[in-house]
Amino acid sequence: MKFQITYKATGEVAKYRANDWTSFESEVWDILRWVNTYNTPESDFEFMVDGKVVSLDLAQKSATFARNEWETKRAETKKPIRVSQGVTCLPNTYRTIWVKK
């Protein structure tokens, strides 16, 4: 999926590649908060997913779908392991990394 957001007030266009769904999702959530907090109309923004104009709700669902696809693919090909980072064995020195199955 390719993503794009057009800010109609300024004419600024933000384009996102298909693998940059995290930035698109973050921007959509920021716009959703802005629309709900300040009661601004959703029509100030134009969202495009795969070259089609969609609503804010559908843009949010598309970003969530892309996230779920990525998580599913990662779970199929990799597994999480906890490794100690540092000299001690304290719980806060462990972090999770993903390795191939």
C-alpha atoms as a PDB file:
ATOM      1  CA  MET A   1       0.000   0.000   0.000  1.00  0.00           C
ATOM      2  CA  LYS A   2       1.151   3.511  -0.747  1.00  0.00           C
ATOM      3  CA  PHE A   3      -0.079   6.323   1.438  1.00  0.00           C
ATOM      4  CA  GLN A   4      -0.498  10.056   0.943  1.00  0.00           C
ATOM      5  CA  ILE A   5      -1.946  12.931   2.969  1.00  0.00           C
ATOM      6  CA  THR A   6      -2.744  16.318   1.425  1.00  0.00           C
ATOM      7  CA  TYR A   7      -3.213  19.338   3.681  1.00  0.00           C
ATOM      8  CA  LYS A   8      -5.726  21.408   1.747  1.00  0.00           C
ATOM      9  CA  ALA A   9      -5.113  24.660   3.642  1.00  0.00           C
ATOM     10  CA  THR A  10      -1.449  24.858   2.624  1.00  0.00           C
ATOM     11  CA  GLY A  11      -1.413  22.485  -0.328  1.00  0.00           C
ATOM     12  CA  GLU A  12       1.349  20.496   1.346  1.00  0.00           C
ATOM     13  CA  VAL A  13       1.531  16.832   0.373  1.00  0.00           C
ATOM     14  CA  ALA A  14       3.060  14.120   2.557  1.00  0.00           C
ATOM     15  CA  LYS A  15       3.848  10.937   0.637  1.00  0.00           C
ATOM     16  CA  TYR A  16       4.706   7.663   2.340  1.00  0.00           C
ATOM     17  CA  ARG A  17       6.171   4.545   0.776  1.00  0.00           C
ATOM     18  CA  ALA A  18       4.431   1.227   1.220  1.00  0.00           C
ATOM     19  CA  ASN A  19       6.866   0.120   3.938  1.00  0.00           C
ATOM     20  CA  ASP A  20       6.563   3.434   5.830  1.00  0.00           C
ATOM     21  CA  TRP A  21       3.171   2.636   7.317  1.00  0.00           C
ATOM     22  CA  THR A  22       4.391   3.566  10.815  1.00  0.00           C
ATOM     23  CA  SER A  23       4.821   7.233   9.901  1.00  0.00           C
ATOM     24  CA  PHE A  24       1.466   7.268   8.115  1.00  0.00           C
ATOM     25  CA  GLU A  25      -0.249   5.637  11.095  1.00  0.00           C
ATOM     26  CA  SER A  26       1.300   8.144  13.474  1.00  0.00           C
ATOM     27  CA  GLU A  27       0.207  11.076  11.310  1.00  0.00           C
ATOM     28  CA  VAL A  28      -3.329   9.721  10.973  1.00  0.00           C
ATOM     29  CA  TRP A  29      -3.618   9.360  14.763  1.00  0.00           C
ATOM     30  CA  ASP A  30      -2.354  12.932  15.220  1.00  0.00           C
ATOM     31  CA  ILE A  31      -4.921  14.226  12.737  1.00  0.00           C
ATOM     32  CA  LEU A  32      -7.669  12.182  14.409  1.00  0.00           C
ATOM     33  CA  ARG A  33      -6.781  13.712  17.778  1.00  0.00           C
ATOM     34  CA  TRP A  34      -6.682  17.177  16.205  1.00  0.00           C
ATOM     35  CA  VAL A  35     -10.104  16.725  14.566  1.00  0.00           C
ATOM     36  CA  ASN A  36     -11.684  15.434  17.790  1.00  0.00           C
ATOM     37  CA  THR A  37     -10.044  17.980  20.101  1.00  0.00           C
ATOM     38  CA  TYR A  38     -10.597  21.171  18.116  1.00  0.00           C
ATOM     39  CA  ASN A  39     -13.729  20.146  16.206  1.00  0.00           C
ATOM     40  CA  THR A  40     -12.077  20.903  12.887  1.00  0.00           C
ATOM     41  CA  PRO A  41     -13.624  19.328   9.818  1.00  0.00           C
ATOM     42  CA  GLU A  42     -12.078  16.203   8.429  1.00  0.00           C
ATOM     43  CA  SER A  43     -12.392  17.754   4.966  1.00  0.00           C
ATOM     44  CA  ASP A  44      -9.274  19.879   5.649  1.00  0.00           C
ATOM     45  CA  PHE A  45      -7.275  16.757   4.817  1.00  0.00           C
ATOM     46  CA  GLU A  46      -7.332  14.364   1.881  1.00  0.00           C
ATOM     47  CA  PHE A  47      -6.142  10.808   2.502  1.00  0.00           C
ATOM     48  CA  MET A  48      -5.074   8.510  -0.308  1.00  0.00           C
ATOM     49  CA  VAL A  49      -4.399   4.797   0.024  1.00  0.00           C
ATOM     50  CA  ASP A  50      -3.162   3.010  -3.111  1.00  0.00           C
ATOM     51  CA  GLY A  51      -4.166   5.988  -5.250  1.00  0.00           C
ATOM     52  CA  LYS A  52      -7.761   6.157  -3.993  1.00  0.00           C
ATOM     53  CA  VAL A  53      -9.186   8.955  -1.870  1.00  0.00           C
ATOM     54  CA  VAL A  54     -10.476   7.572   1.429  1.00  0.00           C
ATOM     55  CA  SER A  55     -11.973   8.933   4.631  1.00  0.00           C
ATOM     56  CA  LEU A  56     -10.057   9.427   7.872  1.00  0.00           C
ATOM     57  CA  ASP A  57     -11.666   6.327   9.354  1.00  0.00           C
ATOM     58  CA  LEU A  58     -10.686   4.167   6.386  1.00  0.00           C
ATOM     59  CA  ALA A  59      -7.155   5.610   6.391  1.00  0.00           C
ATOM     60  CA  GLN A  60      -6.837   4.625  10.044  1.00  0.00           C
ATOM     61  CA  LYS A  61      -8.102   1.118   9.307  1.00  0.00           C
ATOM     62  CA  SER A  62      -5.668   0.777   6.388  1.00  0.00           C
ATOM     63  CA  ALA A  63      -2.740   1.711   8.610  1.00  0.00           C
ATOM     64  CA  THR A  64      -3.899  -0.752  11.266  1.00  0.00           C
ATOM     65  CA  PHE A  65      -4.252  -3.434   8.589  1.00  0.00           C
ATOM     66  CA  ALA A  66      -0.681  -2.778   7.390  1.00  0.00           C
ATOM     67  CA  ARG A  67       0.558  -3.050  10.990  1.00  0.00           C
ATOM     68  CA  ASN A  68      -1.278  -6.358  11.508  1.00  0.00           C
ATOM     69  CA  GLU A  69       0.132  -7.762   8.265  1.00  0.00           C
ATOM     70  CA  TRP A  70       3.660  -6.815   9.321  1.00  0.00           C
ATOM     71  CA  GLU A  71       3.241  -8.344  12.787  1.00  0.00           C
ATOM     72  CA  THR A  72       1.827 -11.561  11.312  1.00  0.00           C
ATOM     73  CA  LYS A  73       4.700 -11.881   8.837  1.00  0.00           C
ATOM     74  CA  ARG A  74       7.262 -11.182  11.571  1.00  0.00           C
ATOM     75  CA  ALA A  75       5.685 -13.811  13.852  1.00  0.00           C
ATOM     76  CA  GLU A  76       5.851 -16.400  11.062  1.00  0.00           C
ATOM     77  CA  THR A  77       9.516 -15.830  10.214  1.00  0.00           C
ATOM     78  CA  LYS A  78      11.095 -14.708  13.493  1.00  0.00           C
ATOM     79  CA  LYS A  79      10.941 -15.386  17.201  1.00  0.00           C
ATOM     80  CA  PRO A  80      11.599 -13.068  20.137  1.00  0.00           C
ATOM     81  CA  ILE A  81      14.390 -13.830  22.573  1.00  0.00           C
ATOM     82  CA  ARG A  82      15.569 -11.922  25.638  1.00  0.00           C
ATOM     83  CA  VAL A  83      19.270 -11.122  25.878  1.00  0.00           C
ATOM     84  CA  SER A  84      21.209  -9.554  28.693  1.00  0.00           C
ATOM     85  CA  GLN A  85      22.818  -6.269  27.870  1.00  0.00           C
ATOM     86  CA  GLY A  86      25.449  -5.416  30.420  1.00  0.00           C
ATOM     87  CA  VAL A  87      27.450  -7.063  33.135  1.00  0.00           C
ATOM     88  CA  THR A  88      24.795  -7.755  35.746  1.00  0.00           C
ATOM     89  CA  CYS A  89      21.788 -10.031  35.708  1.00  0.00           C
ATOM     90  CA  LEU A  90      19.322  -7.385  36.857  1.00  0.00           C
ATOM     91  CA  PRO A  91      15.914  -7.514  35.155  1.00  0.00           C
ATOM     92  CA  ASN A  92      16.329  -4.063  33.613  1.00  0.00           C
ATOM     93  CA  THR A  93      19.419  -5.127  31.639  1.00  0.00           C
ATOM     94  CA  TYR A  94      17.457  -7.518  29.426  1.00  0.00           C
ATOM     95  CA  ARG A  95      15.997  -6.502  26.070  1.00  0.00           C
ATOM     96  CA  THR A  96      14.045  -8.330  23.401  1.00  0.00           C
ATOM     97  CA  ILE A  97      15.509  -8.997  19.964  1.00  0.00           C
ATOM     98  CA  TRP A  98      13.951 -10.871  17.045  1.00  0.00           C
ATOM     99  CA  VAL A  99      15.931 -13.672  15.367  1.00  0.00           C
ATOM    100  CA  LYS A 100      15.142 -15.994  12.472  1.00  0.00           C
ATOM    101  CA  LYS A 101      13.332 -19.213  13.379  1.00  0.00           C
END
